[in-house]
C-alpha cells in the first residue's frame, strides 16, 4: 500500500472518493486521477491533506470489452475490496473518522454496487457510506448472456442512491433497474456520455432535491461536446470541453414534479430506443405522485402499451 497522507497525530477525518470507470476507459487518462497506486497502471490515486482533514481519490480503470482477465468486473471488484479493506482498517486503527463516496459508470456501476455492499457488511457503522451515484449501470451483453454477472434490480427497497439513465441508447438495451433511488436523472445523451453527467452530479450533489426526478433537455449540444471531449487527448483542452458540458447540463436540468412537467418529459423522450428504458422512465414517473401517475396511465392507454400499463396498474 502506498504512503497515505495521514498523520496519526493530526488527521481526524478522511474522505475516500472511489470512481469505477466504464468499459475500456482507463484511469491514467482521467484528468486529476493522480499517480499509479503501488505501481498498478489500472488504479490511480490522488491525495490531499490539510490540517486535520485528508482526502483520497481512487480511480479504477473499467473492464475490457470481453470482461476477462485482470480488467473484468470480478477481478476489479476483488482488487478494490483488498485495497479498501487494508486502507480503511489502518484508518480505523488510527481512530480517524472515515467517509466513503462511490460512483460508477456502465459496468463500473455494477462494481460500485458490489463495493458498497462489501463495505457496509465489512465495516458497518464504523464508517460513513454516502449515496452511490450510478450512470447507466449495465452488466454487459456477454455477462448477461452467460449469466456470469447479473444486472441488479432495486424495485421496492428505498435507497439514498442517485442514478442517471440514458433514454436514447439502443446498443446497451437493458440497464440495471433502480426505481426507488433518492434521485433519478433522465438524459438523451448516449450510454457512453452519461459518464459526463455522472461527474456533474458528483460535483453538485447538494443542488438536487431529495426524493426527486429530473430530466436534461439537450438540443444536441451536450452530445456533440461529449464526443469532442472523448476524442481530445490534451488535458487542458479536454477540461475546457468538460466545463462546457457541465454548464450545458446545468442549463438543461429540469425537475419533474407535477402534471405539466411529467407530460413535457414524456413528450421530450418520445423517441426512446428500448422497452427496458421506457419501462424505467414510465414506472419512475408514475411513482412521483398521483398527478404524474395519471399522466403516465393516460399516455400508455393512448398508445395501447398494455404490458407496461399492467406493471403500473396491476388491475388493468
C-alpha atoms as a PDB file:
ATOM      1  CA  UNK A   1       0.000   0.000   0.000  1.00  0.00           C
ATOM      2  CA  UNK A   2       1.449   3.451  -0.889  1.00  0.00           C
ATOM      3  CA  UNK A   3       2.170   6.022   1.773  1.00  0.00           C
ATOM      4  CA  UNK A   4      -1.055   7.762   2.731  1.00  0.00           C
ATOM      5  CA  UNK A   5      -1.155  11.438   3.634  1.00  0.00           C
ATOM      6  CA  UNK A   6      -2.382  10.590   7.086  1.00  0.00           C
ATOM      7  CA  UNK A   7      -0.670  11.582  10.296  1.00  0.00           C
ATOM      8  CA  UNK A   8      -1.995   9.832  13.380  1.00  0.00           C
ATOM      9  CA  UNK A   9      -1.245  12.922  15.432  1.00  0.00           C
ATOM     10  CA  UNK A  10      -3.086  15.348  13.154  1.00  0.00           C
ATOM     11  CA  UNK A  11      -5.633  13.665  10.887  1.00  0.00           C
ATOM     12  CA  UNK A  12      -9.086  13.359  12.409  1.00  0.00           C
ATOM     13  CA  UNK A  13     -11.228  12.945   9.283  1.00  0.00           C
ATOM     14  CA  UNK A  14     -10.670  11.292   5.910  1.00  0.00           C
ATOM     15  CA  UNK A  15     -12.812  11.196   2.787  1.00  0.00           C
ATOM     16  CA  UNK A  16     -12.322   8.371   0.276  1.00  0.00           C
ATOM     17  CA  UNK A  17     -13.795   9.039  -3.167  1.00  0.00           C
ATOM     18  CA  UNK A  18     -13.959   5.973  -5.417  1.00  0.00           C
ATOM     19  CA  UNK A  19     -14.625   6.183  -9.143  1.00  0.00           C
ATOM     20  CA  UNK A  20     -15.211   2.980 -11.139  1.00  0.00           C
ATOM     21  CA  UNK A  21     -14.920   3.780 -14.826  1.00  0.00           C
ATOM     22  CA  UNK A  22     -16.978   2.179 -17.561  1.00  0.00           C
ATOM     23  CA  UNK A  23     -15.790  -0.387 -20.070  1.00  0.00           C
ATOM     24  CA  UNK A  24     -12.487   0.394 -21.870  1.00  0.00           C
ATOM     25  CA  UNK A  25     -11.944   3.694 -20.045  1.00  0.00           C
ATOM     26  CA  UNK A  26      -8.525   3.843 -18.383  1.00  0.00           C
ATOM     27  CA  UNK A  27      -7.637   5.563 -15.128  1.00  0.00           C
ATOM     28  CA  UNK A  28      -4.445   7.252 -16.334  1.00  0.00           C
ATOM     29  CA  UNK A  29      -6.397   9.268 -18.924  1.00  0.00           C
ATOM     30  CA  UNK A  30      -8.769  10.740 -16.362  1.00  0.00           C
ATOM     31  CA  UNK A  31      -7.899  14.368 -15.530  1.00  0.00           C
ATOM     32  CA  UNK A  32      -6.749  14.687 -11.938  1.00  0.00           C
ATOM     33  CA  UNK A  33      -6.505  10.928 -11.394  1.00  0.00           C
ATOM     34  CA  UNK A  34      -3.074  11.299  -9.818  1.00  0.00           C
ATOM     35  CA  UNK A  35      -0.486   8.538  -9.958  1.00  0.00           C
ATOM     36  CA  UNK A  36      -0.477   4.718 -10.206  1.00  0.00           C
ATOM     37  CA  UNK A  37      -1.416   3.026  -6.958  1.00  0.00           C
ATOM     38  CA  UNK A  38       1.604   0.933  -5.856  1.00  0.00           C
ATOM     39  CA  UNK A  39       2.758   0.869  -9.477  1.00  0.00           C
ATOM     40  CA  UNK A  40      -0.570  -0.518 -10.746  1.00  0.00           C
ATOM     41  CA  UNK A  41      -1.424   1.271 -14.008  1.00  0.00           C
ATOM     42  CA  UNK A  42      -5.074   0.224 -13.712  1.00  0.00           C
ATOM     43  CA  UNK A  43      -5.624   2.043 -10.414  1.00  0.00           C
ATOM     44  CA  UNK A  44      -4.711   5.666  -9.799  1.00  0.00           C
ATOM     45  CA  UNK A  45      -4.638   7.603  -6.537  1.00  0.00           C
ATOM     46  CA  UNK A  46      -4.619  11.315  -5.787  1.00  0.00           C
ATOM     47  CA  UNK A  47      -4.277  12.567  -2.216  1.00  0.00           C
ATOM     48  CA  UNK A  48      -4.585  15.876  -0.435  1.00  0.00           C
ATOM     49  CA  UNK A  49      -4.201  16.719   3.218  1.00  0.00           C
ATOM     50  CA  UNK A  50      -4.765  19.921   5.159  1.00  0.00           C
ATOM     51  CA  UNK A  51      -4.671  20.297   8.919  1.00  0.00           C
ATOM     52  CA  UNK A  52      -6.878  17.567  10.397  1.00  0.00           C
ATOM     53  CA  UNK A  53      -8.555  16.572   7.076  1.00  0.00           C
ATOM     54  CA  UNK A  54      -7.373  14.213   4.343  1.00  0.00           C
ATOM     55  CA  UNK A  55      -8.956  13.309   1.014  1.00  0.00           C
ATOM     56  CA  UNK A  56      -8.090  10.281  -1.110  1.00  0.00           C
ATOM     57  CA  UNK A  57      -9.371   9.822  -4.659  1.00  0.00           C
ATOM     58  CA  UNK A  58      -9.183   6.343  -6.168  1.00  0.00           C
ATOM     59  CA  UNK A  59      -9.869   5.802  -9.875  1.00  0.00           C
ATOM     60  CA  UNK A  60     -10.221   2.278 -11.247  1.00  0.00           C
ATOM     61  CA  UNK A  61      -9.899   1.502 -14.965  1.00  0.00           C
ATOM     62  CA  UNK A  62     -13.047  -0.043 -16.399  1.00  0.00           C
ATOM     63  CA  UNK A  63     -13.472  -3.650 -17.568  1.00  0.00           C
ATOM     64  CA  UNK A  64     -12.265  -4.622 -21.025  1.00  0.00           C
ATOM     65  CA  UNK A  65     -14.772  -5.406 -23.758  1.00  0.00           C
ATOM     66  CA  UNK A  66     -14.752  -9.167 -23.173  1.00  0.00           C
ATOM     67  CA  UNK A  67     -14.727  -8.752 -19.381  1.00  0.00           C
ATOM     68  CA  UNK A  68     -11.906 -11.257 -18.873  1.00  0.00           C
ATOM     69  CA  UNK A  69      -8.542 -11.285 -17.123  1.00  0.00           C
ATOM     70  CA  UNK A  70      -7.333  -8.527 -14.809  1.00  0.00           C
ATOM     71  CA  UNK A  71      -9.826  -5.989 -16.118  1.00  0.00           C
ATOM     72  CA  UNK A  72     -13.030  -7.913 -15.507  1.00  0.00           C
ATOM     73  CA  UNK A  73     -15.874  -6.972 -13.193  1.00  0.00           C
ATOM     74  CA  UNK A  74     -14.926  -9.833 -10.877  1.00  0.00           C
ATOM     75  CA  UNK A  75     -11.212  -9.041 -10.656  1.00  0.00           C
ATOM     76  CA  UNK A  76     -11.644  -5.267 -10.376  1.00  0.00           C
ATOM     77  CA  UNK A  77     -14.136  -5.884  -7.565  1.00  0.00           C
ATOM     78  CA  UNK A  78     -11.665  -8.171  -5.766  1.00  0.00           C
ATOM     79  CA  UNK A  79      -8.807  -5.661  -6.162  1.00  0.00           C
ATOM     80  CA  UNK A  80     -10.956  -2.852  -4.803  1.00  0.00           C
ATOM     81  CA  UNK A  81     -12.064  -4.957  -1.845  1.00  0.00           C
ATOM     82  CA  UNK A  82      -8.471  -5.700  -0.836  1.00  0.00           C
ATOM     83  CA  UNK A  83      -7.238  -2.133  -1.237  1.00  0.00           C
ATOM     84  CA  UNK A  84     -10.157  -0.630   0.671  1.00  0.00           C
ATOM     85  CA  UNK A  85     -10.102  -3.251   3.408  1.00  0.00           C
ATOM     86  CA  UNK A  86      -6.407  -2.524   4.103  1.00  0.00           C
ATOM     87  CA  UNK A  87      -6.745   1.250   3.782  1.00  0.00           C
ATOM     88  CA  UNK A  88      -9.830   1.605   5.974  1.00  0.00           C
ATOM     89  CA  UNK A  89      -8.508  -0.794   8.603  1.00  0.00           C
ATOM     90  CA  UNK A  90      -5.390   1.379   9.007  1.00  0.00           C
ATOM     91  CA  UNK A  91      -7.548   4.488   9.403  1.00  0.00           C
ATOM     92  CA  UNK A  92      -9.798   2.815  11.960  1.00  0.00           C
ATOM     93  CA  UNK A  93      -6.734   1.809  13.988  1.00  0.00           C
ATOM     94  CA  UNK A  94      -5.661   5.461  13.889  1.00  0.00           C
ATOM     95  CA  UNK A  95      -9.123   6.454  15.148  1.00  0.00           C
ATOM     96  CA  UNK A  96      -9.815   8.534  12.059  1.00  0.00           C
ATOM     97  CA  UNK A  97     -13.415   9.344  11.122  1.00  0.00           C
ATOM     98  CA  UNK A  98     -13.998   7.925   7.638  1.00  0.00           C
ATOM     99  CA  UNK A  99     -16.458   8.886   4.912  1.00  0.00           C
ATOM    100  CA  UNK A 100     -16.657   6.914   1.653  1.00  0.00           C
ATOM    101  CA  UNK A 101     -18.322   8.088  -1.575  1.00  0.00           C
ATOM    102  CA  UNK A 102     -18.670   5.690  -4.507  1.00  0.00           C
ATOM    103  CA  UNK A 103     -19.648   6.301  -8.114  1.00  0.00           C
ATOM    104  CA  UNK A 104     -19.599   4.138 -11.214  1.00  0.00           C
ATOM    105  CA  UNK A 105     -20.431   4.267 -14.910  1.00  0.00           C
ATOM    106  CA  UNK A 106     -21.734   1.356 -17.015  1.00  0.00           C
ATOM    107  CA  UNK A 107     -20.088  -1.872 -15.809  1.00  0.00           C
ATOM    108  CA  UNK A 108     -18.307   0.312 -13.265  1.00  0.00           C
ATOM    109  CA  UNK A 109     -21.762   0.859 -11.777  1.00  0.00           C
ATOM    110  CA  UNK A 110     -22.080  -2.884 -11.171  1.00  0.00           C
ATOM    111  CA  UNK A 111     -18.718  -2.819  -9.388  1.00  0.00           C
ATOM    112  CA  UNK A 112     -19.809   0.227  -7.377  1.00  0.00           C
ATOM    113  CA  UNK A 113     -22.825  -1.717  -6.074  1.00  0.00           C
ATOM    114  CA  UNK A 114     -20.602  -4.699  -5.171  1.00  0.00           C
ATOM    115  CA  UNK A 115     -18.173  -2.482  -3.256  1.00  0.00           C
ATOM    116  CA  UNK A 116     -20.913  -0.599  -1.428  1.00  0.00           C
ATOM    117  CA  UNK A 117     -22.412  -3.890  -0.234  1.00  0.00           C
ATOM    118  CA  UNK A 118     -18.951  -5.167   0.776  1.00  0.00           C
ATOM    119  CA  UNK A 119     -18.023  -2.068   2.793  1.00  0.00           C
ATOM    120  CA  UNK A 120     -21.405  -1.933   4.502  1.00  0.00           C
ATOM    121  CA  UNK A 121     -21.102  -5.573   5.577  1.00  0.00           C
ATOM    122  CA  UNK A 122     -17.404  -5.382   6.497  1.00  0.00           C
ATOM    123  CA  UNK A 123     -17.289  -2.117   8.432  1.00  0.00           C
ATOM    124  CA  UNK A 124     -20.897  -1.323   9.327  1.00  0.00           C
ATOM    125  CA  UNK A 125     -21.312   1.884  11.282  1.00  0.00           C
ATOM    126  CA  UNK A 126     -17.548   2.273  11.774  1.00  0.00           C
ATOM    127  CA  UNK A 127     -17.524   4.263   8.529  1.00  0.00           C
ATOM    128  CA  UNK A 128     -19.997   6.629   6.888  1.00  0.00           C
ATOM    129  CA  UNK A 129     -21.130   5.495   3.446  1.00  0.00           C
ATOM    130  CA  UNK A 130     -22.549   8.272   1.287  1.00  0.00           C
ATOM    131  CA  UNK A 131     -25.001   7.656  -1.533  1.00  0.00           C
ATOM    132  CA  UNK A 132     -23.789   5.704  -4.536  1.00  0.00           C
ATOM    133  CA  UNK A 133     -24.060   7.554  -7.847  1.00  0.00           C
ATOM    134  CA  UNK A 134     -24.704   5.323 -10.857  1.00  0.00           C
ATOM    135  CA  UNK A 135     -24.522   6.298 -14.529  1.00  0.00           C
ATOM    136  CA  UNK A 136     -26.407   3.830 -16.720  1.00  0.00           C
ATOM    137  CA  UNK A 137     -25.274   0.726 -14.758  1.00  0.00           C
ATOM    138  CA  UNK A 138     -25.084  -2.291 -17.029  1.00  0.00           C
ATOM    139  CA  UNK A 139     -23.537  -5.745 -16.630  1.00  0.00           C
ATOM    140  CA  UNK A 140     -22.691  -6.100 -20.318  1.00  0.00           C
ATOM    141  CA  UNK A 141     -24.135  -8.400 -23.011  1.00  0.00           C
ATOM    142  CA  UNK A 142     -21.682 -11.280 -22.570  1.00  0.00           C
ATOM    143  CA  UNK A 143     -22.125 -11.383 -18.797  1.00  0.00           C
ATOM    144  CA  UNK A 144     -25.897 -11.296 -19.083  1.00  0.00           C
ATOM    145  CA  UNK A 145     -25.958 -13.945 -21.818  1.00  0.00           C
ATOM    146  CA  UNK A 146     -23.642 -16.306 -19.931  1.00  0.00           C
ATOM    147  CA  UNK A 147     -25.218 -15.375 -16.571  1.00  0.00           C
ATOM    148  CA  UNK A 148     -21.759 -14.586 -15.144  1.00  0.00           C
ATOM    149  CA  UNK A 149     -22.754 -11.188 -13.743  1.00  0.00           C
ATOM    150  CA  UNK A 150     -26.348 -10.025 -13.496  1.00  0.00           C
ATOM    151  CA  UNK A 151     -27.801  -6.567 -13.587  1.00  0.00           C
ATOM    152  CA  UNK A 152     -29.032  -5.738 -10.116  1.00  0.00           C
ATOM    153  CA  UNK A 153     -32.568  -4.590  -9.513  1.00  0.00           C
ATOM    154  CA  UNK A 154     -33.778  -2.374  -6.685  1.00  0.00           C
ATOM    155  CA  UNK A 155     -37.532  -2.063  -7.053  1.00  0.00           C
ATOM    156  CA  UNK A 156     -39.145  -1.990  -3.626  1.00  0.00           C
ATOM    157  CA  UNK A 157     -36.343  -1.083  -1.250  1.00  0.00           C
ATOM    158  CA  UNK A 158     -35.891   2.647  -0.749  1.00  0.00           C
ATOM    159  CA  UNK A 159     -32.303   3.823  -1.168  1.00  0.00           C
ATOM    160  CA  UNK A 160     -30.390   7.075  -0.935  1.00  0.00           C
ATOM    161  CA  UNK A 161     -28.671   6.402  -4.262  1.00  0.00           C
ATOM    162  CA  UNK A 162     -28.580   8.687  -7.278  1.00  0.00           C
ATOM    163  CA  UNK A 163     -28.864   7.240 -10.782  1.00  0.00           C
ATOM    164  CA  UNK A 164     -28.554   8.655 -14.293  1.00  0.00           C
ATOM    165  CA  UNK A 165     -30.238   6.917 -17.226  1.00  0.00           C
ATOM    166  CA  UNK A 166     -29.838   7.376 -20.952  1.00  0.00           C
ATOM    167  CA  UNK A 167     -33.152   7.090 -22.758  1.00  0.00           C
ATOM    168  CA  UNK A 168     -31.767   7.116 -26.300  1.00  0.00           C
ATOM    169  CA  UNK A 169     -29.198   4.332 -26.027  1.00  0.00           C
ATOM    170  CA  UNK A 170     -30.106   1.380 -28.245  1.00  0.00           C
ATOM    171  CA  UNK A 171     -26.983  -0.851 -28.193  1.00  0.00           C
ATOM    172  CA  UNK A 172     -26.898  -1.362 -24.429  1.00  0.00           C
ATOM    173  CA  UNK A 173     -30.569  -2.151 -24.163  1.00  0.00           C
ATOM    174  CA  UNK A 174     -31.124  -3.280 -20.580  1.00  0.00           C
ATOM    175  CA  UNK A 175     -29.579  -1.243 -17.738  1.00  0.00           C
ATOM    176  CA  UNK A 176     -29.994  -2.125 -14.078  1.00  0.00           C
ATOM    177  CA  UNK A 177     -33.365  -1.237 -12.631  1.00  0.00           C
ATOM    178  CA  UNK A 178     -33.200   1.200  -9.690  1.00  0.00           C
ATOM    179  CA  UNK A 179     -36.723   2.544  -9.360  1.00  0.00           C
ATOM    180  CA  UNK A 180     -36.648   3.851  -5.803  1.00  0.00           C
ATOM    181  CA  UNK A 181     -33.396   5.782  -5.841  1.00  0.00           C
ATOM    182  CA  UNK A 182     -33.337   9.066  -3.951  1.00  0.00           C
ATOM    183  CA  UNK A 183     -32.665  10.959  -7.177  1.00  0.00           C
ATOM    184  CA  UNK A 184     -33.168   9.806 -10.783  1.00  0.00           C
ATOM    185  CA  UNK A 185     -31.980  11.850 -13.770  1.00  0.00           C
ATOM    186  CA  UNK A 186     -33.046  11.049 -17.326  1.00  0.00           C
ATOM    187  CA  UNK A 187     -30.881  12.132 -20.241  1.00  0.00           C
ATOM    188  CA  UNK A 188     -30.934  11.887 -24.014  1.00  0.00           C
ATOM    189  CA  UNK A 189     -27.167  11.504 -24.161  1.00  0.00           C
ATOM    190  CA  UNK A 190     -25.783   8.103 -25.121  1.00  0.00           C
ATOM    191  CA  UNK A 191     -24.778   5.410 -22.643  1.00  0.00           C
ATOM    192  CA  UNK A 192     -21.137   6.438 -23.037  1.00  0.00           C
ATOM    193  CA  UNK A 193     -21.813  10.139 -22.464  1.00  0.00           C
ATOM    194  CA  UNK A 194     -23.715   9.607 -19.213  1.00  0.00           C
ATOM    195  CA  UNK A 195     -20.292   9.491 -17.551  1.00  0.00           C
ATOM    196  CA  UNK A 196     -20.075  13.268 -18.007  1.00  0.00           C
ATOM    197  CA  UNK A 197     -23.475  13.670 -16.378  1.00  0.00           C
ATOM    198  CA  UNK A 198     -22.133  11.480 -13.560  1.00  0.00           C
ATOM    199  CA  UNK A 199     -19.237  13.855 -12.927  1.00  0.00           C
ATOM    200  CA  UNK A 200     -21.573  16.848 -12.951  1.00  0.00           C
ATOM    201  CA  UNK A 201     -23.888  15.199 -10.438  1.00  0.00           C
ATOM    202  CA  UNK A 202     -20.964  14.125  -8.252  1.00  0.00           C
ATOM    203  CA  UNK A 203     -19.679  17.703  -8.099  1.00  0.00           C
ATOM    204  CA  UNK A 204     -23.118  19.241  -7.471  1.00  0.00           C
ATOM    205  CA  UNK A 205     -24.887  16.777  -5.158  1.00  0.00           C
ATOM    206  CA  UNK A 206     -26.310  19.462  -2.926  1.00  0.00           C
ATOM    207  CA  UNK A 207     -28.336  21.132  -5.682  1.00  0.00           C
ATOM    208  CA  UNK A 208     -30.609  18.095  -6.096  1.00  0.00           C
ATOM    209  CA  UNK A 209     -33.758  17.816  -4.029  1.00  0.00           C
ATOM    210  CA  UNK A 210     -34.341  14.649  -2.046  1.00  0.00           C
ATOM    211  CA  UNK A 211     -36.759  12.109  -3.485  1.00  0.00           C
ATOM    212  CA  UNK A 212     -36.792  13.899  -6.821  1.00  0.00           C
ATOM    213  CA  UNK A 213     -36.782  13.093 -10.536  1.00  0.00           C
ATOM    214  CA  UNK A 214     -35.104  15.231 -13.184  1.00  0.00           C
ATOM    215  CA  UNK A 215     -34.542  15.275 -16.909  1.00  0.00           C
ATOM    216  CA  UNK A 216     -31.983  17.091 -19.021  1.00  0.00           C
ATOM    217  CA  UNK A 217     -33.096  18.984 -22.123  1.00  0.00           C
ATOM    218  CA  UNK A 218     -30.455  18.990 -24.827  1.00  0.00           C
ATOM    219  CA  UNK A 219     -30.635  20.361 -28.353  1.00  0.00           C
ATOM    220  CA  UNK A 220     -27.684  18.188 -29.319  1.00  0.00           C
ATOM    221  CA  UNK A 221     -25.034  20.477 -27.871  1.00  0.00           C
ATOM    222  CA  UNK A 222     -24.227  18.229 -24.898  1.00  0.00           C
ATOM    223  CA  UNK A 223     -23.907  15.133 -27.052  1.00  0.00           C
ATOM    224  CA  UNK A 224     -21.596  16.908 -29.513  1.00  0.00           C
ATOM    225  CA  UNK A 225     -19.421  18.282 -26.724  1.00  0.00           C
ATOM    226  CA  UNK A 226     -19.183  14.814 -25.159  1.00  0.00           C
ATOM    227  CA  UNK A 227     -17.961  13.355 -28.456  1.00  0.00           C
ATOM    228  CA  UNK A 228     -15.312  16.066 -28.752  1.00  0.00           C
ATOM    229  CA  UNK A 229     -14.186  15.522 -25.154  1.00  0.00           C
ATOM    230  CA  UNK A 230     -13.880  11.781 -25.738  1.00  0.00           C
ATOM    231  CA  UNK A 231     -11.540  12.409 -28.684  1.00  0.00           C
ATOM    232  CA  UNK A 232      -9.476  15.118 -27.003  1.00  0.00           C
ATOM    233  CA  UNK A 233      -6.111  13.956 -25.595  1.00  0.00           C
ATOM    234  CA  UNK A 234      -4.858  17.312 -24.332  1.00  0.00           C
ATOM    235  CA  UNK A 235      -5.896  17.594 -20.661  1.00  0.00           C
ATOM    236  CA  UNK A 236      -6.328  21.388 -20.694  1.00  0.00           C
ATOM    237  CA  UNK A 237      -8.464  21.379 -23.843  1.00  0.00           C
ATOM    238  CA  UNK A 238     -10.488  18.470 -22.528  1.00  0.00           C
ATOM    239  CA  UNK A 239     -11.061  20.275 -19.234  1.00  0.00           C
ATOM    240  CA  UNK A 240     -12.482  23.270 -21.137  1.00  0.00           C
ATOM    241  CA  UNK A 241     -14.806  20.979 -23.077  1.00  0.00           C
ATOM    242  CA  UNK A 242     -15.923  19.288 -19.871  1.00  0.00           C
ATOM    243  CA  UNK A 243     -16.683  22.636 -18.262  1.00  0.00           C
ATOM    244  CA  UNK A 244     -18.841  23.491 -21.288  1.00  0.00           C
ATOM    245  CA  UNK A 245     -20.622  20.132 -20.907  1.00  0.00           C
ATOM    246  CA  UNK A 246     -21.318  20.773 -17.229  1.00  0.00           C
ATOM    247  CA  UNK A 247     -22.643  24.270 -17.953  1.00  0.00           C
ATOM    248  CA  UNK A 248     -24.983  22.869 -20.623  1.00  0.00           C
ATOM    249  CA  UNK A 249     -26.203  20.172 -18.227  1.00  0.00           C
ATOM    250  CA  UNK A 250     -26.890  22.806 -15.584  1.00  0.00           C
ATOM    251  CA  UNK A 251     -28.861  24.922 -18.049  1.00  0.00           C
ATOM    252  CA  UNK A 252     -30.866  21.949 -19.306  1.00  0.00           C
ATOM    253  CA  UNK A 253     -31.756  20.412 -15.948  1.00  0.00           C
ATOM    254  CA  UNK A 254     -35.480  20.274 -15.144  1.00  0.00           C
ATOM    255  CA  UNK A 255     -37.349  18.763 -12.227  1.00  0.00           C
ATOM    256  CA  UNK A 256     -40.417  16.565 -12.815  1.00  0.00           C
ATOM    257  CA  UNK A 257     -42.907  17.109 -10.014  1.00  0.00           C
ATOM    258  CA  UNK A 258     -46.351  17.859 -11.448  1.00  0.00           C
ATOM    259  CA  UNK A 259     -48.729  17.091 -14.305  1.00  0.00           C
ATOM    260  CA  UNK A 260     -47.213  19.650 -16.692  1.00  0.00           C
ATOM    261  CA  UNK A 261     -43.569  18.693 -16.195  1.00  0.00           C
ATOM    262  CA  UNK A 262     -44.417  14.987 -16.384  1.00  0.00           C
ATOM    263  CA  UNK A 263     -46.251  15.448 -19.662  1.00  0.00           C
ATOM    264  CA  UNK A 264     -43.372  17.536 -21.034  1.00  0.00           C
ATOM    265  CA  UNK A 265     -40.834  14.841 -20.116  1.00  0.00           C
ATOM    266  CA  UNK A 266     -42.869  12.084 -21.804  1.00  0.00           C
ATOM    267  CA  UNK A 267     -43.162  14.143 -24.981  1.00  0.00           C
ATOM    268  CA  UNK A 268     -39.472  15.048 -24.878  1.00  0.00           C
ATOM    269  CA  UNK A 269     -38.397  11.406 -24.644  1.00  0.00           C
ATOM    270  CA  UNK A 270     -40.929  10.025 -27.113  1.00  0.00           C
ATOM    271  CA  UNK A 271     -38.141   8.532 -29.254  1.00  0.00           C
ATOM    272  CA  UNK A 272     -36.700   6.253 -26.574  1.00  0.00           C
ATOM    273  CA  UNK A 273     -34.926   3.266 -28.087  1.00  0.00           C
ATOM    274  CA  UNK A 274     -35.615   0.213 -25.922  1.00  0.00           C
ATOM    275  CA  UNK A 275     -38.519  -1.280 -23.980  1.00  0.00           C
ATOM    276  CA  UNK A 276     -36.440  -1.594 -20.800  1.00  0.00           C
ATOM    277  CA  UNK A 277     -35.533   2.083 -20.827  1.00  0.00           C
ATOM    278  CA  UNK A 278     -39.119   3.150 -21.471  1.00  0.00           C
ATOM    279  CA  UNK A 279     -40.207   0.954 -18.566  1.00  0.00           C
ATOM    280  CA  UNK A 280     -37.750   2.680 -16.238  1.00  0.00           C
ATOM    281  CA  UNK A 281     -39.000   6.103 -17.357  1.00  0.00           C
ATOM    282  CA  UNK A 282     -42.727   5.414 -17.018  1.00  0.00           C
ATOM    283  CA  UNK A 283     -42.528   3.463 -13.763  1.00  0.00           C
ATOM    284  CA  UNK A 284     -40.387   6.156 -12.161  1.00  0.00           C
ATOM    285  CA  UNK A 285     -42.697   8.939 -13.347  1.00  0.00           C
ATOM    286  CA  UNK A 286     -45.736   7.066 -12.070  1.00  0.00           C
ATOM    287  CA  UNK A 287     -44.136   6.852  -8.620  1.00  0.00           C
ATOM    288  CA  UNK A 288     -43.691  10.624  -8.213  1.00  0.00           C
ATOM    289  CA  UNK A 289     -47.287  11.459  -7.242  1.00  0.00           C
ATOM    290  CA  UNK A 290     -50.886  10.847  -8.310  1.00  0.00           C
ATOM    291  CA  UNK A 291     -50.798  13.638 -10.891  1.00  0.00           C
ATOM    292  CA  UNK A 292     -47.830  12.108 -12.657  1.00  0.00           C
ATOM    293  CA  UNK A 293     -49.246   8.606 -12.401  1.00  0.00           C
ATOM    294  CA  UNK A 294     -52.459   9.765 -14.091  1.00  0.00           C
ATOM    295  CA  UNK A 295     -50.441  11.337 -16.914  1.00  0.00           C
ATOM    296  CA  UNK A 296     -48.460   8.130 -17.432  1.00  0.00           C
ATOM    297  CA  UNK A 297     -51.568   5.919 -17.445  1.00  0.00           C
ATOM    298  CA  UNK A 298     -53.305   8.213 -19.911  1.00  0.00           C
ATOM    299  CA  UNK A 299     -50.311   8.095 -22.227  1.00  0.00           C
ATOM    300  CA  UNK A 300     -49.917   4.311 -22.045  1.00  0.00           C
ATOM    301  CA  UNK A 301     -53.618   3.775 -22.733  1.00  0.00           C
ATOM    302  CA  UNK A 302     -53.445   6.115 -25.720  1.00  0.00           C
ATOM    303  CA  UNK A 303     -50.576   4.103 -27.193  1.00  0.00           C
ATOM    304  CA  UNK A 304     -52.036   0.702 -26.182  1.00  0.00           C
ATOM    305  CA  UNK A 305     -48.991  -0.283 -24.120  1.00  0.00           C
ATOM    306  CA  UNK A 306     -50.854  -2.943 -22.130  1.00  0.00           C
ATOM    307  CA  UNK A 307     -47.768  -4.763 -20.814  1.00  0.00           C
ATOM    308  CA  UNK A 308     -46.314  -1.671 -19.168  1.00  0.00           C
ATOM    309  CA  UNK A 309     -49.732  -0.449 -18.088  1.00  0.00           C
ATOM    310  CA  UNK A 310     -50.237  -3.649 -16.089  1.00  0.00           C
ATOM    311  CA  UNK A 311     -46.901  -3.136 -14.312  1.00  0.00           C
ATOM    312  CA  UNK A 312     -48.093   0.278 -13.174  1.00  0.00           C
ATOM    313  CA  UNK A 313     -51.769  -0.619 -12.647  1.00  0.00           C
ATOM    314  CA  UNK A 314     -51.882  -4.395 -11.965  1.00  0.00           C
ATOM    315  CA  UNK A 315     -55.689  -4.448 -12.014  1.00  0.00           C
ATOM    316  CA  UNK A 316     -55.783  -3.132 -15.598  1.00  0.00           C
END
